[in-house]
Amino acid sequence: MKVIALLLIKFFFISALFIISNGNLHLGDIGQREIFLNSYSVWLNNVFGQIVQTAGYVVNSKWLPENNLSNSS
């Protein structure tokens, strides 16, 4: 469980660094800090939306075989 938590923390930290570097943001400036927070919250919303969509697809999938087993002998 600790490994999963550590991987999630690394994932979110690295993604924050990507947003900072791609936007050429300097977090010492209050205005750019607000831009970062808005961009990161939009990104998080998209990530969780995709997770919900994928989970819904998996839950609604038919996992059991069909009941058309016939005696072929």
N, C-alpha and C. Protein backbone atom coordinates (compact mmCIF):
# COMPACT_ATOMS: atom_id res chain seq x y z
N MET A 1 0.82 -1.19 0.00
CA MET A 1 0.00 0.00 0.00
C MET A 1 0.86 1.26 0.00
N LYS A 2 1.98 1.20 0.70
CA LYS A 2 2.88 2.34 0.73
C LYS A 2 3.48 2.61 -0.64
N VAL A 3 3.71 1.54 -1.39
CA VAL A 3 4.30 1.69 -2.72
C VAL A 3 3.32 2.40 -3.65
N ILE A 4 2.06 2.04 -3.56
CA ILE A 4 1.05 2.67 -4.41
C ILE A 4 0.92 4.15 -4.06
N ALA A 5 0.90 4.46 -2.78
CA ALA A 5 0.81 5.86 -2.36
C ALA A 5 2.03 6.64 -2.83
N LEU A 6 3.19 6.06 -2.74
CA LEU A 6 4.41 6.72 -3.19
C LEU A 6 4.38 6.94 -4.70
N LEU A 7 3.91 5.97 -5.45
CA LEU A 7 3.81 6.12 -6.90
C LEU A 7 2.82 7.21 -7.28
N LEU A 8 1.70 7.29 -6.57
CA LEU A 8 0.73 8.34 -6.86
C LEU A 8 1.29 9.73 -6.55
N ILE A 9 2.00 9.85 -5.45
CA ILE A 9 2.61 11.13 -5.10
C ILE A 9 3.62 11.54 -6.16
N LYS A 10 4.45 10.60 -6.59
CA LYS A 10 5.43 10.89 -7.66
C LYS A 10 4.73 11.30 -8.94
N PHE A 11 3.65 10.58 -9.31
CA PHE A 11 2.92 10.89 -10.52
C PHE A 11 2.37 12.31 -10.50
N PHE A 12 1.73 12.69 -9.39
CA PHE A 12 1.15 14.03 -9.31
C PHE A 12 2.23 15.11 -9.22
N PHE A 13 3.34 14.81 -8.56
CA PHE A 13 4.43 15.78 -8.47
C PHE A 13 5.08 16.00 -9.84
N ILE A 14 5.35 14.92 -10.56
CA ILE A 14 5.97 15.05 -11.88
C ILE A 14 5.03 15.75 -12.85
N SER A 15 3.74 15.46 -12.76
CA SER A 15 2.79 16.15 -13.63
C SER A 15 2.75 17.65 -13.32
N ALA A 16 2.86 18.01 -12.06
CA ALA A 16 2.91 19.43 -11.69
C ALA A 16 4.16 20.08 -12.27
N LEU A 17 5.28 19.37 -12.24
CA LEU A 17 6.50 19.91 -12.83
C LEU A 17 6.37 20.10 -14.33
N PHE A 18 5.68 19.17 -15.01
CA PHE A 18 5.45 19.32 -16.44
C PHE A 18 4.60 20.55 -16.74
N ILE A 19 3.57 20.78 -15.95
CA ILE A 19 2.73 21.96 -16.16
C ILE A 19 3.53 23.23 -15.94
N ILE A 20 4.38 23.24 -14.92
CA ILE A 20 5.20 24.41 -14.64
C ILE A 20 6.19 24.66 -15.78
N SER A 21 6.84 23.60 -16.25
CA SER A 21 7.86 23.79 -17.29
C SER A 21 7.24 24.10 -18.65
N ASN A 22 6.11 23.45 -18.99
CA ASN A 22 5.49 23.72 -20.29
C ASN A 22 4.88 25.12 -20.35
N GLY A 23 4.41 25.61 -19.22
CA GLY A 23 3.84 26.95 -19.18
C GLY A 23 4.88 28.02 -18.89
N ASN A 24 6.13 27.61 -18.66
CA ASN A 24 7.22 28.53 -18.30
C ASN A 24 6.77 29.43 -17.14
N LEU A 25 6.25 28.79 -16.10
CA LEU A 25 5.70 29.51 -14.96
C LEU A 25 6.76 29.68 -13.87
N HIS A 26 6.70 30.82 -13.22
CA HIS A 26 7.57 31.10 -12.06
C HIS A 26 6.64 31.23 -10.85
N LEU A 27 6.70 30.27 -9.96
CA LEU A 27 5.74 30.21 -8.87
C LEU A 27 5.96 31.27 -7.80
N GLY A 28 7.03 32.03 -7.91
CA GLY A 28 7.24 33.13 -6.98
C GLY A 28 6.29 34.28 -7.24
N ASP A 29 5.79 34.37 -8.47
CA ASP A 29 4.85 35.42 -8.85
C ASP A 29 3.42 34.94 -8.55
N ILE A 30 2.65 35.77 -7.87
CA ILE A 30 1.31 35.36 -7.44
C ILE A 30 0.41 35.10 -8.64
N GLY A 31 0.50 35.91 -9.68
CA GLY A 31 -0.33 35.73 -10.86
C GLY A 31 -0.03 34.41 -11.56
N GLN A 32 1.24 34.06 -11.67
CA GLN A 32 1.59 32.80 -12.31
C GLN A 32 1.26 31.61 -11.42
N ARG A 33 1.27 31.81 -10.13
CA ARG A 33 0.86 30.75 -9.21
C ARG A 33 -0.63 30.43 -9.39
N GLU A 34 -1.43 31.47 -9.62
CA GLU A 34 -2.86 31.27 -9.88
C GLU A 34 -3.07 30.55 -11.22
N ILE A 35 -2.26 30.90 -12.23
CA ILE A 35 -2.34 30.20 -13.52
C ILE A 35 -2.00 28.73 -13.33
N PHE A 36 -0.96 28.45 -12.53
CA PHE A 36 -0.59 27.06 -12.28
C PHE A 36 -1.71 26.31 -11.57
N LEU A 37 -2.29 26.92 -10.53
CA LEU A 37 -3.36 26.24 -9.79
C LEU A 37 -4.57 25.98 -10.68
N ASN A 38 -4.92 26.94 -11.54
CA ASN A 38 -6.04 26.72 -12.46
C ASN A 38 -5.71 25.61 -13.45
N SER A 39 -4.51 25.63 -14.01
CA SER A 39 -4.11 24.60 -14.99
C SER A 39 -4.06 23.22 -14.34
N TYR A 40 -3.52 23.15 -13.13
CA TYR A 40 -3.40 21.87 -12.45
C TYR A 40 -4.77 21.33 -12.05
N SER A 41 -5.67 22.20 -11.62
CA SER A 41 -7.01 21.73 -11.25
C SER A 41 -7.78 21.25 -12.48
N VAL A 42 -7.62 21.92 -13.61
CA VAL A 42 -8.27 21.46 -14.85
C VAL A 42 -7.69 20.11 -15.24
N TRP A 43 -6.38 19.96 -15.13
CA TRP A 43 -5.74 18.68 -15.48
C TRP A 43 -6.24 17.57 -14.55
N LEU A 44 -6.31 17.84 -13.25
CA LEU A 44 -6.81 16.84 -12.30
C LEU A 44 -8.25 16.46 -12.60
N ASN A 45 -9.07 17.45 -12.94
CA ASN A 45 -10.45 17.18 -13.29
C ASN A 45 -10.53 16.26 -14.51
N ASN A 46 -9.68 16.51 -15.51
CA ASN A 46 -9.65 15.66 -16.70
C ASN A 46 -9.19 14.24 -16.36
N VAL A 47 -8.19 14.11 -15.53
CA VAL A 47 -7.67 12.79 -15.15
C VAL A 47 -8.75 11.99 -14.43
N PHE A 48 -9.40 12.59 -13.45
CA PHE A 48 -10.42 11.88 -12.70
C PHE A 48 -11.65 11.59 -13.57
N GLY A 49 -11.96 12.49 -14.51
CA GLY A 49 -13.05 12.23 -15.43
C GLY A 49 -12.77 11.02 -16.31
N GLN A 50 -11.52 10.90 -16.77
CA GLN A 50 -11.14 9.75 -17.58
C GLN A 50 -11.16 8.46 -16.76
N ILE A 51 -10.77 8.55 -15.50
CA ILE A 51 -10.80 7.37 -14.62
C ILE A 51 -12.24 6.92 -14.42
N VAL A 52 -13.15 7.86 -14.19
CA VAL A 52 -14.56 7.53 -13.99
C VAL A 52 -15.14 6.91 -15.26
N GLN A 53 -14.79 7.48 -16.41
CA GLN A 53 -15.29 6.96 -17.68
C GLN A 53 -14.78 5.54 -17.92
N THR A 54 -13.51 5.30 -17.65
CA THR A 54 -12.93 3.96 -17.84
C THR A 54 -13.55 2.97 -16.85
N ALA A 55 -13.71 3.37 -15.61
CA ALA A 55 -14.31 2.49 -14.62
C ALA A 55 -15.75 2.15 -15.00
N GLY A 56 -16.49 3.12 -15.51
CA GLY A 56 -17.85 2.86 -15.95
C GLY A 56 -17.90 1.88 -17.11
N TYR A 57 -16.96 1.99 -18.03
CA TYR A 57 -16.90 1.06 -19.16
C TYR A 57 -16.60 -0.35 -18.67
N VAL A 58 -15.66 -0.46 -17.73
CA VAL A 58 -15.28 -1.78 -17.20
C VAL A 58 -16.46 -2.40 -16.44
N VAL A 59 -17.16 -1.61 -15.65
CA VAL A 59 -18.27 -2.13 -14.87
C VAL A 59 -19.41 -2.58 -15.78
N ASN A 60 -19.67 -1.85 -16.85
CA ASN A 60 -20.78 -2.18 -17.74
C ASN A 60 -20.43 -3.26 -18.76
N SER A 61 -19.20 -3.71 -18.82
CA SER A 61 -18.81 -4.75 -19.76
C SER A 61 -19.36 -6.10 -19.32
N LYS A 62 -19.62 -6.95 -20.30
CA LYS A 62 -20.09 -8.30 -19.99
C LYS A 62 -18.86 -9.19 -19.83
N TRP A 63 -18.69 -9.72 -18.64
CA TRP A 63 -17.50 -10.52 -18.33
C TRP A 63 -17.79 -12.01 -18.32
N LEU A 64 -19.05 -12.41 -18.27
CA LEU A 64 -19.39 -13.82 -18.20
C LEU A 64 -19.60 -14.37 -19.60
N PRO A 65 -19.30 -15.64 -19.80
CA PRO A 65 -19.51 -16.23 -21.13
C PRO A 65 -21.00 -16.39 -21.42
N GLU A 66 -21.32 -16.53 -22.68
CA GLU A 66 -22.71 -16.73 -23.09
C GLU A 66 -23.19 -18.10 -22.64
N ASN A 67 -24.48 -18.27 -22.47
CA ASN A 67 -25.06 -19.54 -22.03
C ASN A 67 -25.49 -20.40 -23.21
N ASN A 68 -24.73 -20.41 -24.28
CA ASN A 68 -25.10 -21.20 -25.44
C ASN A 68 -24.24 -22.47 -25.54
N LEU A 69 -23.93 -23.05 -24.40
CA LEU A 69 -23.15 -24.30 -24.38
C LEU A 69 -24.08 -25.43 -24.79
N SER A 70 -23.76 -26.08 -25.86
CA SER A 70 -24.60 -27.19 -26.32
C SER A 70 -23.81 -28.49 -26.27
N ASN A 71 -24.49 -29.54 -26.14
CA ASN A 71 -23.86 -30.86 -26.09
C ASN A 71 -23.55 -31.28 -27.52
N SER A 72 -22.30 -31.22 -27.92
CA SER A 72 -21.90 -31.49 -29.30
C SER A 72 -21.58 -32.94 -29.57
N SER A 73 -21.78 -33.84 -28.62
CA SER A 73 -21.46 -35.25 -28.85
C SER A 73 -22.61 -36.05 -29.38
